[in-house]
Amino acid sequence: MIDETDKAAARGQDGRQDRLKSALRENLKRRKVQARERAAMAEPSHNDDESLNEGPAGKADD
């Protein structure tokens, strides 16, 4: 026989599981957005003629 405290504990566990599940889902979404932003920043920029923006050829930065 299950008493009322066991039922309340089970409902509490279910609520906790739901909160954890939604928190993990939101965290995953946020991490995916961050990864996409980092990947976009890491791509080299191109000039209008599709050449890489590397500066003048043969010039050393001092």
PDB file of N, CA and C in Angstrom:
ATOM      1  N   MET A   1       0.848  -1.177   0.000  1.00  0.00           N
ATOM      2  CA  MET A   1       0.000   0.000   0.000  1.00  0.00           C
ATOM      3  C   MET A   1       0.896   1.243   0.000  1.00  0.00           C
ATOM      4  N   ILE A   2       0.585   2.199  -0.847  1.00  0.00           N
ATOM      5  CA  ILE A   2       1.349   3.430  -0.968  1.00  0.00           C
ATOM      6  C   ILE A   2       0.646   4.514  -0.163  1.00  0.00           C
ATOM      7  N   ASP A   3       1.394   5.143   0.738  1.00  0.00           N
ATOM      8  CA  ASP A   3       0.767   6.224   1.508  1.00  0.00           C
ATOM      9  C   ASP A   3       0.943   7.560   0.796  1.00  0.00           C
ATOM     10  N   GLU A   4       0.372   8.592   1.345  1.00  0.00           N
ATOM     11  CA  GLU A   4       0.360   9.925   0.713  1.00  0.00           C
ATOM     12  C   GLU A   4       1.759  10.514   0.568  1.00  0.00           C
ATOM     13  N   THR A   5       2.671  10.235   1.486  1.00  0.00           N
ATOM     14  CA  THR A   5       4.019  10.800   1.382  1.00  0.00           C
ATOM     15  C   THR A   5       4.767  10.213   0.191  1.00  0.00           C
ATOM     16  N   ASP A   6       4.534   8.935  -0.087  1.00  0.00           N
ATOM     17  CA  ASP A   6       5.175   8.323  -1.249  1.00  0.00           C
ATOM     18  C   ASP A   6       4.647   8.932  -2.545  1.00  0.00           C
ATOM     19  N   LYS A   7       3.349   9.197  -2.599  1.00  0.00           N
ATOM     20  CA  LYS A   7       2.757   9.819  -3.782  1.00  0.00           C
ATOM     21  C   LYS A   7       3.307  11.225  -3.982  1.00  0.00           C
ATOM     22  N   ALA A   8       3.426  11.981  -2.889  1.00  0.00           N
ATOM     23  CA  ALA A   8       3.957  13.342  -2.974  1.00  0.00           C
ATOM     24  C   ALA A   8       5.419  13.320  -3.417  1.00  0.00           C
ATOM     25  N   ALA A   9       6.172  12.372  -2.907  1.00  0.00           N
ATOM     26  CA  ALA A   9       7.583  12.264  -3.291  1.00  0.00           C
ATOM     27  C   ALA A   9       7.701  11.915  -4.775  1.00  0.00           C
ATOM     28  N   ALA A  10       6.822  11.046  -5.260  1.00  0.00           N
ATOM     29  CA  ALA A  10       6.858  10.675  -6.670  1.00  0.00           C
ATOM     30  C   ALA A  10       6.516  11.873  -7.547  1.00  0.00           C
ATOM     31  N   ARG A  11       5.517  12.661  -7.140  1.00  0.00           N
ATOM     32  CA  ARG A  11       5.168  13.870  -7.910  1.00  0.00           C
ATOM     33  C   ARG A  11       6.322  14.871  -7.880  1.00  0.00           C
ATOM     34  N   GLY A  12       6.989  14.970  -6.736  1.00  0.00           N
ATOM     35  CA  GLY A  12       8.135  15.875  -6.623  1.00  0.00           C
ATOM     36  C   GLY A  12       9.265  15.456  -7.539  1.00  0.00           C
ATOM     37  N   GLN A  13       9.509  14.154  -7.621  1.00  0.00           N
ATOM     38  CA  GLN A  13      10.557  13.638  -8.504  1.00  0.00           C
ATOM     39  C   GLN A  13      10.195  13.898  -9.965  1.00  0.00           C
ATOM     40  N   ASP A  14       8.919  13.698 -10.315  1.00  0.00           N
ATOM     41  CA  ASP A  14       8.487  13.950 -11.688  1.00  0.00           C
ATOM     42  C   ASP A  14       8.675  15.418 -12.051  1.00  0.00           C
ATOM     43  N   GLY A  15       8.310  16.309 -11.145  1.00  0.00           N
ATOM     44  CA  GLY A  15       8.479  17.738 -11.386  1.00  0.00           C
ATOM     45  C   GLY A  15       9.944  18.106 -11.536  1.00  0.00           C
ATOM     46  N   ARG A  16      10.776  17.503 -10.713  1.00  0.00           N
ATOM     47  CA  ARG A  16      12.209  17.765 -10.766  1.00  0.00           C
ATOM     48  C   ARG A  16      12.779  17.280 -12.096  1.00  0.00           C
ATOM     49  N   GLN A  17      12.355  16.079 -12.507  1.00  0.00           N
ATOM     50  CA  GLN A  17      12.814  15.538 -13.787  1.00  0.00           C
ATOM     51  C   GLN A  17      12.399  16.446 -14.946  1.00  0.00           C
ATOM     52  N   ASP A  18      11.178  16.949 -14.890  1.00  0.00           N
ATOM     53  CA  ASP A  18      10.706  17.852 -15.946  1.00  0.00           C
ATOM     54  C   ASP A  18      11.522  19.140 -15.970  1.00  0.00           C
ATOM     55  N   ARG A  19      11.816  19.694 -14.800  1.00  0.00           N
ATOM     56  CA  ARG A  19      12.628  20.925 -14.737  1.00  0.00           C
ATOM     57  C   ARG A  19      14.032  20.674 -15.270  1.00  0.00           C
ATOM     58  N   LEU A  20      14.625  19.543 -14.872  1.00  0.00           N
ATOM     59  CA  LEU A  20      15.969  19.222 -15.357  1.00  0.00           C
ATOM     60  C   LEU A  20      15.981  19.002 -16.862  1.00  0.00           C
ATOM     61  N   LYS A  21      14.958  18.331 -17.356  1.00  0.00           N
ATOM     62  CA  LYS A  21      14.864  18.058 -18.792  1.00  0.00           C
ATOM     63  C   LYS A  21      14.781  19.356 -19.586  1.00  0.00           C
ATOM     64  N   SER A  22      13.942  20.283 -19.129  1.00  0.00           N
ATOM     65  CA  SER A  22      13.799  21.545 -19.859  1.00  0.00           C
ATOM     66  C   SER A  22      15.054  22.406 -19.715  1.00  0.00           C
ATOM     67  N   ALA A  23      15.705  22.366 -18.549  1.00  0.00           N
ATOM     68  CA  ALA A  23      16.942  23.127 -18.373  1.00  0.00           C
ATOM     69  C   ALA A  23      18.038  22.592 -19.291  1.00  0.00           C
ATOM     70  N   LEU A  24      18.139  21.285 -19.402  1.00  0.00           N
ATOM     71  CA  LEU A  24      19.135  20.697 -20.299  1.00  0.00           C
ATOM     72  C   LEU A  24      18.851  21.040 -21.754  1.00  0.00           C
ATOM     73  N   ARG A  25      17.577  21.033 -22.124  1.00  0.00           N
ATOM     74  CA  ARG A  25      17.196  21.369 -23.497  1.00  0.00           C
ATOM     75  C   ARG A  25      17.573  22.815 -23.814  1.00  0.00           C
ATOM     76  N   GLU A  26      17.294  23.737 -22.896  1.00  0.00           N
ATOM     77  CA  GLU A  26      17.638  25.146 -23.111  1.00  0.00           C
ATOM     78  C   GLU A  26      19.146  25.327 -23.175  1.00  0.00           C
ATOM     79  N   ASN A  27      19.879  24.622 -22.342  1.00  0.00           N
ATOM     80  CA  ASN A  27      21.334  24.703 -22.349  1.00  0.00           C
ATOM     81  C   ASN A  27      21.895  24.219 -23.684  1.00  0.00           C
ATOM     82  N   LEU A  28      21.343  23.136 -24.200  1.00  0.00           N
ATOM     83  CA  LEU A  28      21.791  22.619 -25.485  1.00  0.00           C
ATOM     84  C   LEU A  28      21.527  23.616 -26.602  1.00  0.00           C
ATOM     85  N   LYS A  29      20.352  24.237 -26.590  1.00  0.00           N
ATOM     86  CA  LYS A  29      20.032  25.250 -27.605  1.00  0.00           C
ATOM     87  C   LYS A  29      21.022  26.408 -27.534  1.00  0.00           C
ATOM     88  N   ARG A  30      21.315  26.875 -26.318  1.00  0.00           N
ATOM     89  CA  ARG A  30      22.239  27.996 -26.141  1.00  0.00           C
ATOM     90  C   ARG A  30      23.634  27.627 -26.622  1.00  0.00           C
ATOM     91  N   ARG A  31      24.092  26.408 -26.326  1.00  0.00           N
ATOM     92  CA  ARG A  31      25.417  25.976 -26.760  1.00  0.00           C
ATOM     93  C   ARG A  31      25.499  25.837 -28.274  1.00  0.00           C
ATOM     94  N   LYS A  32      24.414  25.392 -28.915  1.00  0.00           N
ATOM     95  CA  LYS A  32      24.403  25.293 -30.381  1.00  0.00           C
ATOM     96  C   LYS A  32      24.515  26.669 -31.014  1.00  0.00           C
ATOM     97  N   VAL A  33      23.800  27.652 -30.462  1.00  0.00           N
ATOM     98  CA  VAL A  33      23.869  29.018 -30.985  1.00  0.00           C
ATOM     99  C   VAL A  33      25.290  29.558 -30.820  1.00  0.00           C
ATOM    100  N   GLN A  34      25.895  29.326 -29.653  1.00  0.00           N
ATOM    101  CA  GLN A  34      27.258  29.793 -29.425  1.00  0.00           C
ATOM    102  C   GLN A  34      28.227  29.138 -30.407  1.00  0.00           C
ATOM    103  N   ALA A  35      28.067  27.866 -30.662  1.00  0.00           N
ATOM    104  CA  ALA A  35      28.952  27.159 -31.594  1.00  0.00           C
ATOM    105  C   ALA A  35      28.804  27.714 -33.004  1.00  0.00           C
ATOM    106  N   ARG A  36      27.562  28.010 -33.404  1.00  0.00           N
ATOM    107  CA  ARG A  36      27.348  28.591 -34.739  1.00  0.00           C
ATOM    108  C   ARG A  36      28.004  29.966 -34.840  1.00  0.00           C
ATOM    109  N   GLU A  37      27.887  30.771 -33.785  1.00  0.00           N
ATOM    110  CA  GLU A  37      28.492  32.106 -33.803  1.00  0.00           C
ATOM    111  C   GLU A  37      30.010  32.009 -33.876  1.00  0.00           C
ATOM    112  N   ARG A  38      30.596  31.080 -33.115  1.00  0.00           N
ATOM    113  CA  ARG A  38      32.050  30.908 -33.160  1.00  0.00           C
ATOM    114  C   ARG A  38      32.508  30.451 -34.538  1.00  0.00           C
ATOM    115  N   ALA A  39      31.760  29.553 -35.144  1.00  0.00           N
ATOM    116  CA  ALA A  39      32.117  29.059 -36.477  1.00  0.00           C
ATOM    117  C   ALA A  39      32.031  30.185 -37.500  1.00  0.00           C
ATOM    118  N   ALA A  40      31.029  31.046 -37.379  1.00  0.00           N
ATOM    119  CA  ALA A  40      30.890  32.157 -38.316  1.00  0.00           C
ATOM    120  C   ALA A  40      32.033  33.153 -38.151  1.00  0.00           C
ATOM    121  N   MET A  41      32.485  33.354 -36.930  1.00  0.00           N
ATOM    122  CA  MET A  41      33.587  34.280 -36.680  1.00  0.00           C
ATOM    123  C   MET A  41      34.909  33.706 -37.170  1.00  0.00           C
ATOM    124  N   ALA A  42      35.048  32.406 -37.192  1.00  0.00           N
ATOM    125  CA  ALA A  42      36.305  31.763 -37.569  1.00  0.00           C
ATOM    126  C   ALA A  42      36.501  31.715 -39.077  1.00  0.00           C
ATOM    127  N   GLU A  43      35.449  31.887 -39.848  1.00  0.00           N
ATOM    128  CA  GLU A  43      35.569  31.845 -41.304  1.00  0.00           C
ATOM    129  C   GLU A  43      36.351  33.058 -41.787  1.00  0.00           C
ATOM    130  N   PRO A  44      37.280  32.860 -42.717  1.00  0.00           N
ATOM    131  CA  PRO A  44      38.053  33.995 -43.235  1.00  0.00           C
ATOM    132  C   PRO A  44      37.166  34.931 -44.061  1.00  0.00           C
ATOM    133  N   SER A  45      37.461  36.197 -43.984  1.00  0.00           N
ATOM    134  CA  SER A  45      36.679  37.160 -44.766  1.00  0.00           C
ATOM    135  C   SER A  45      37.215  37.228 -46.190  1.00  0.00           C
ATOM    136  N   HIS A  46      36.334  37.472 -47.130  1.00  0.00           N
ATOM    137  CA  HIS A  46      36.696  37.536 -48.542  1.00  0.00           C
ATOM    138  C   HIS A  46      36.467  38.947 -49.066  1.00  0.00           C
ATOM    139  N   ASN A  47      37.296  39.317 -50.040  1.00  0.00           N
ATOM    140  CA  ASN A  47      37.108  40.588 -50.736  1.00  0.00           C
ATOM    141  C   ASN A  47      36.010  40.426 -51.779  1.00  0.00           C
ATOM    142  N   ASP A  48      35.706  41.502 -52.488  1.00  0.00           N
ATOM    143  CA  ASP A  48      34.677  41.445 -53.522  1.00  0.00           C
ATOM    144  C   ASP A  48      35.029  40.457 -54.628  1.00  0.00           C
ATOM    145  N   ASP A  49      36.316  40.285 -54.909  1.00  0.00           N
ATOM    146  CA  ASP A  49      36.722  39.369 -55.970  1.00  0.00           C
ATOM    147  C   ASP A  49      36.963  37.946 -55.455  1.00  0.00           C
ATOM    148  N   GLU A  50      36.463  37.643 -54.265  1.00  0.00           N
ATOM    149  CA  GLU A  50      36.535  36.329 -53.633  1.00  0.00           C
ATOM    150  C   GLU A  50      37.947  35.919 -53.219  1.00  0.00           C
ATOM    151  N   SER A  51      38.915  36.853 -53.222  1.00  0.00           N
ATOM    152  CA  SER A  51      40.233  36.533 -52.697  1.00  0.00           C
ATOM    153  C   SER A  51      40.222  36.801 -51.192  1.00  0.00           C
ATOM    154  N   LEU A  52      41.101  36.127 -50.488  1.00  0.00           N
ATOM    155  CA  LEU A  52      41.164  36.323 -49.044  1.00  0.00           C
ATOM    156  C   LEU A  52      41.720  37.704 -48.726  1.00  0.00           C
ATOM    157  N   ASN A  53      41.258  38.284 -47.662  1.00  0.00           N
ATOM    158  CA  ASN A  53      41.708  39.595 -47.212  1.00  0.00           C
ATOM    159  C   ASN A  53      42.956  39.399 -46.361  1.00  0.00           C
ATOM    160  N   GLU A  54      44.118  39.291 -47.037  1.00  0.00           N
ATOM    161  CA  GLU A  54      45.360  38.999 -46.334  1.00  0.00           C
ATOM    162  C   GLU A  54      46.311  40.197 -46.284  1.00  0.00           C
ATOM    163  N   GLY A  55      45.954  41.296 -46.856  1.00  0.00           N
ATOM    164  CA  GLY A  55      46.828  42.464 -46.851  1.00  0.00           C
ATOM    165  C   GLY A  55      47.745  42.458 -48.060  1.00  0.00           C
ATOM    166  N   PRO A  56      48.639  43.440 -48.133  1.00  0.00           N
ATOM    167  CA  PRO A  56      49.538  43.552 -49.281  1.00  0.00           C
ATOM    168  C   PRO A  56      50.516  42.370 -49.345  1.00  0.00           C
ATOM    169  N   ALA A  57      50.770  41.876 -50.526  1.00  0.00           N
ATOM    170  CA  ALA A  57      51.666  40.736 -50.710  1.00  0.00           C
ATOM    171  C   ALA A  57      53.110  41.187 -50.535  1.00  0.00           C
ATOM    172  N   GLY A  58      53.874  40.360 -49.856  1.00  0.00           N
ATOM    173  CA  GLY A  58      55.289  40.621 -49.703  1.00  0.00           C
ATOM    174  C   GLY A  58      55.623  41.665 -48.649  1.00  0.00           C
ATOM    175  N   LYS A  59      54.669  42.199 -47.964  1.00  0.00           N
ATOM    176  CA  LYS A  59      54.917  43.210 -46.933  1.00  0.00           C
ATOM    177  C   LYS A  59      54.911  42.535 -45.563  1.00  0.00           C
ATOM    178  N   ALA A  60      55.944  42.781 -44.787  1.00  0.00           N
ATOM    179  CA  ALA A  60      56.014  42.237 -43.441  1.00  0.00           C
ATOM    180  C   ALA A  60      55.513  43.281 -42.461  1.00  0.00           C
ATOM    181  N   ASP A  61      54.706  42.854 -41.503  1.00  0.00           N
ATOM    182  CA  ASP A  61      54.249  43.762 -40.460  1.00  0.00           C
ATOM    183  C   ASP A  61      55.329  43.950 -39.432  1.00  0.00           C
ATOM    184  N   ASP A  62      55.670  45.196 -39.152  1.00  0.00           N
ATOM    185  CA  ASP A  62      56.712  45.473 -38.159  1.00  0.00           C
ATOM    186  C   ASP A  62      56.096  45.893 -36.859  1.00  0.00           C
TER     187      ASP A  62
END
